[in-house]
Amino acid sequence: MLAVPCEEADPAAADLVKAMFEKSLRYLEMDLIGTIIVPGVTKRGEIIKKQGPLEEAYSLGIKLARSVKQTGQ
């Protein structure tokens, strides 16, 4: 799972960071279970005000836990 907070208002500003992680994980033969891009975050703790990304992170966490449980890893 990759979570990218960024100061820019446009989520596309995180595209290069996301691409770098995707490429690195492909090289390591690892799966990326999900990505959360949170634009407009400039200060520590500011994400608490953004309910959507928090719910998305929670859902991805559940998905990850289920995937680990099914594979027994």
N, C-alpha and C. Protein backbone atom coordinates (compact mmCIF):
# COMPACT_ATOMS: atom_id res chain seq x y z
N MET A 1 0.85 -1.16 0.00
CA MET A 1 0.00 0.00 0.00
C MET A 1 0.90 1.23 0.00
N LEU A 2 0.54 2.21 -0.79
CA LEU A 2 1.29 3.45 -0.90
C LEU A 2 0.36 4.60 -0.59
N ALA A 3 0.73 5.44 0.36
CA ALA A 3 -0.02 6.65 0.69
C ALA A 3 0.89 7.83 0.42
N VAL A 4 0.40 8.76 -0.40
CA VAL A 4 1.21 9.91 -0.79
C VAL A 4 0.47 11.21 -0.45
N PRO A 5 0.87 11.88 0.62
CA PRO A 5 0.33 13.22 0.86
C PRO A 5 1.14 14.21 0.03
N CYS A 6 0.49 15.22 -0.50
CA CYS A 6 1.24 16.22 -1.26
C CYS A 6 0.62 17.60 -1.08
N GLU A 7 1.46 18.59 -1.12
CA GLU A 7 1.02 19.97 -0.92
C GLU A 7 0.17 20.47 -2.08
N GLU A 8 0.46 20.02 -3.26
CA GLU A 8 -0.27 20.47 -4.45
C GLU A 8 -1.74 20.09 -4.37
N ALA A 9 -2.59 20.91 -4.96
CA ALA A 9 -4.03 20.61 -4.98
C ALA A 9 -4.37 19.56 -6.04
N ASP A 10 -3.51 19.42 -7.05
CA ASP A 10 -3.74 18.49 -8.15
C ASP A 10 -3.12 17.13 -7.80
N PRO A 11 -3.95 16.07 -7.73
CA PRO A 11 -3.42 14.74 -7.41
C PRO A 11 -2.36 14.25 -8.40
N ALA A 12 -2.36 14.79 -9.62
CA ALA A 12 -1.38 14.39 -10.63
C ALA A 12 0.04 14.76 -10.21
N ALA A 13 0.17 15.66 -9.25
CA ALA A 13 1.49 16.06 -8.77
C ALA A 13 2.23 14.87 -8.15
N ALA A 14 1.51 13.85 -7.72
CA ALA A 14 2.12 12.68 -7.09
C ALA A 14 2.43 11.57 -8.10
N ASP A 15 2.17 11.81 -9.36
CA ASP A 15 2.35 10.77 -10.38
C ASP A 15 3.78 10.22 -10.43
N LEU A 16 4.78 11.09 -10.34
CA LEU A 16 6.17 10.61 -10.41
C LEU A 16 6.55 9.76 -9.20
N VAL A 17 6.08 10.15 -8.03
CA VAL A 17 6.35 9.36 -6.82
C VAL A 17 5.70 7.99 -6.95
N LYS A 18 4.45 7.99 -7.39
CA LYS A 18 3.72 6.74 -7.56
C LYS A 18 4.42 5.84 -8.59
N ALA A 19 4.83 6.42 -9.71
CA ALA A 19 5.50 5.65 -10.77
C ALA A 19 6.81 5.05 -10.26
N MET A 20 7.56 5.81 -9.46
CA MET A 20 8.82 5.31 -8.93
C MET A 20 8.57 4.10 -8.03
N PHE A 21 7.58 4.18 -7.16
CA PHE A 21 7.27 3.05 -6.28
C PHE A 21 6.79 1.85 -7.08
N GLU A 22 5.91 2.08 -8.06
CA GLU A 22 5.41 0.98 -8.88
C GLU A 22 6.55 0.26 -9.60
N LYS A 23 7.46 1.03 -10.17
CA LYS A 23 8.59 0.44 -10.88
C LYS A 23 9.49 -0.34 -9.92
N SER A 24 9.77 0.22 -8.77
CA SER A 24 10.61 -0.45 -7.77
C SER A 24 9.96 -1.75 -7.30
N LEU A 25 8.67 -1.72 -7.05
CA LEU A 25 7.98 -2.93 -6.58
C LEU A 25 7.92 -3.99 -7.66
N ARG A 26 7.74 -3.58 -8.92
CA ARG A 26 7.77 -4.56 -10.02
C ARG A 26 9.13 -5.24 -10.07
N TYR A 27 10.19 -4.48 -9.93
CA TYR A 27 11.54 -5.04 -9.94
C TYR A 27 11.71 -6.06 -8.81
N LEU A 28 11.16 -5.75 -7.66
CA LEU A 28 11.25 -6.64 -6.50
C LEU A 28 10.21 -7.77 -6.53
N GLU A 29 9.39 -7.78 -7.59
CA GLU A 29 8.33 -8.76 -7.77
C GLU A 29 7.35 -8.74 -6.59
N MET A 30 6.99 -7.53 -6.19
CA MET A 30 6.03 -7.33 -5.10
C MET A 30 4.77 -6.68 -5.67
N ASP A 31 3.64 -6.97 -5.05
CA ASP A 31 2.37 -6.40 -5.49
C ASP A 31 2.06 -5.13 -4.70
N LEU A 32 1.50 -4.15 -5.40
CA LEU A 32 1.00 -2.95 -4.76
C LEU A 32 -0.50 -3.13 -4.62
N ILE A 33 -0.96 -3.26 -3.39
CA ILE A 33 -2.37 -3.57 -3.17
C ILE A 33 -3.28 -2.35 -3.33
N GLY A 34 -2.71 -1.17 -3.21
CA GLY A 34 -3.52 0.04 -3.39
C GLY A 34 -2.69 1.29 -3.21
N THR A 35 -3.23 2.39 -3.70
CA THR A 35 -2.57 3.68 -3.61
C THR A 35 -3.58 4.72 -3.16
N ILE A 36 -3.15 5.56 -2.24
CA ILE A 36 -3.98 6.68 -1.79
C ILE A 36 -3.18 7.95 -2.02
N ILE A 37 -3.73 8.84 -2.81
CA ILE A 37 -3.11 10.14 -3.07
C ILE A 37 -3.96 11.18 -2.32
N VAL A 38 -3.30 11.98 -1.48
CA VAL A 38 -4.02 12.98 -0.69
C VAL A 38 -3.45 14.36 -1.01
N PRO A 39 -4.10 15.07 -1.95
CA PRO A 39 -3.63 16.40 -2.30
C PRO A 39 -4.03 17.45 -1.25
N GLY A 40 -3.29 18.55 -1.23
CA GLY A 40 -3.64 19.66 -0.35
C GLY A 40 -3.26 19.47 1.10
N VAL A 41 -2.29 18.62 1.37
CA VAL A 41 -1.83 18.39 2.74
C VAL A 41 -0.45 19.02 2.88
N THR A 42 -0.35 20.00 3.77
CA THR A 42 0.93 20.70 3.93
C THR A 42 1.55 20.54 5.31
N LYS A 43 0.72 20.26 6.30
CA LYS A 43 1.22 20.19 7.67
C LYS A 43 0.89 18.86 8.32
N ARG A 44 1.72 18.47 9.27
CA ARG A 44 1.51 17.23 10.01
C ARG A 44 0.13 17.26 10.69
N GLY A 45 -0.59 16.16 10.55
CA GLY A 45 -1.90 16.03 11.18
C GLY A 45 -3.05 16.58 10.35
N GLU A 46 -2.75 17.28 9.28
CA GLU A 46 -3.78 17.89 8.45
C GLU A 46 -4.70 16.86 7.78
N ILE A 47 -4.18 15.68 7.58
CA ILE A 47 -4.96 14.64 6.92
C ILE A 47 -6.19 14.22 7.74
N ILE A 48 -6.15 14.46 9.04
CA ILE A 48 -7.27 14.11 9.91
C ILE A 48 -8.55 14.80 9.45
N LYS A 49 -8.42 15.94 8.82
CA LYS A 49 -9.58 16.70 8.35
C LYS A 49 -10.15 16.14 7.04
N LYS A 50 -9.46 15.18 6.44
CA LYS A 50 -9.88 14.64 5.14
C LYS A 50 -10.44 13.23 5.32
N GLN A 51 -11.73 13.14 5.53
CA GLN A 51 -12.39 11.88 5.84
C GLN A 51 -12.27 10.84 4.72
N GLY A 52 -12.38 11.27 3.47
CA GLY A 52 -12.33 10.34 2.34
C GLY A 52 -11.06 9.50 2.30
N PRO A 53 -9.89 10.13 2.33
CA PRO A 53 -8.65 9.34 2.32
C PRO A 53 -8.48 8.45 3.54
N LEU A 54 -8.98 8.89 4.68
CA LEU A 54 -8.89 8.05 5.88
C LEU A 54 -9.74 6.79 5.74
N GLU A 55 -10.94 6.95 5.19
CA GLU A 55 -11.80 5.79 4.95
C GLU A 55 -11.18 4.85 3.91
N GLU A 56 -10.57 5.44 2.89
CA GLU A 56 -9.91 4.65 1.85
C GLU A 56 -8.73 3.85 2.45
N ALA A 57 -7.96 4.50 3.32
CA ALA A 57 -6.84 3.81 3.97
C ALA A 57 -7.34 2.68 4.85
N TYR A 58 -8.43 2.90 5.55
CA TYR A 58 -9.01 1.86 6.40
C TYR A 58 -9.44 0.66 5.55
N SER A 59 -10.13 0.94 4.44
CA SER A 59 -10.59 -0.13 3.55
C SER A 59 -9.42 -0.90 2.95
N LEU A 60 -8.37 -0.19 2.56
CA LEU A 60 -7.20 -0.87 2.02
C LEU A 60 -6.51 -1.71 3.08
N GLY A 61 -6.50 -1.24 4.32
CA GLY A 61 -5.93 -2.01 5.42
C GLY A 61 -6.67 -3.32 5.63
N ILE A 62 -7.99 -3.27 5.56
CA ILE A 62 -8.81 -4.49 5.68
C ILE A 62 -8.50 -5.43 4.52
N LYS A 63 -8.42 -4.88 3.30
CA LYS A 63 -8.10 -5.70 2.12
C LYS A 63 -6.74 -6.37 2.28
N LEU A 64 -5.76 -5.63 2.77
CA LEU A 64 -4.43 -6.17 2.98
C LEU A 64 -4.44 -7.28 4.04
N ALA A 65 -5.14 -7.04 5.14
CA ALA A 65 -5.21 -8.05 6.19
C ALA A 65 -5.87 -9.34 5.69
N ARG A 66 -6.92 -9.20 4.89
CA ARG A 66 -7.59 -10.39 4.33
C ARG A 66 -6.66 -11.14 3.38
N SER A 67 -5.92 -10.39 2.59
CA SER A 67 -5.00 -11.01 1.64
C SER A 67 -3.90 -11.78 2.37
N VAL A 68 -3.39 -11.22 3.45
CA VAL A 68 -2.34 -11.89 4.23
C VAL A 68 -2.93 -13.13 4.90
N LYS A 69 -4.13 -13.02 5.41
CA LYS A 69 -4.79 -14.15 6.09
C LYS A 69 -5.01 -15.30 5.10
N GLN A 70 -5.43 -14.97 3.87
CA GLN A 70 -5.69 -16.02 2.87
C GLN A 70 -4.43 -16.71 2.42
N THR A 71 -3.34 -15.99 2.31
CA THR A 71 -2.11 -16.59 1.83
C THR A 71 -1.30 -17.20 2.97
N GLY A 72 -1.67 -16.88 4.21
CA GLY A 72 -0.98 -17.44 5.36
C GLY A 72 0.38 -16.84 5.60
N GLN A 73 0.62 -15.64 5.08
CA GLN A 73 1.93 -14.99 5.24
C GLN A 73 1.88 -14.00 6.38
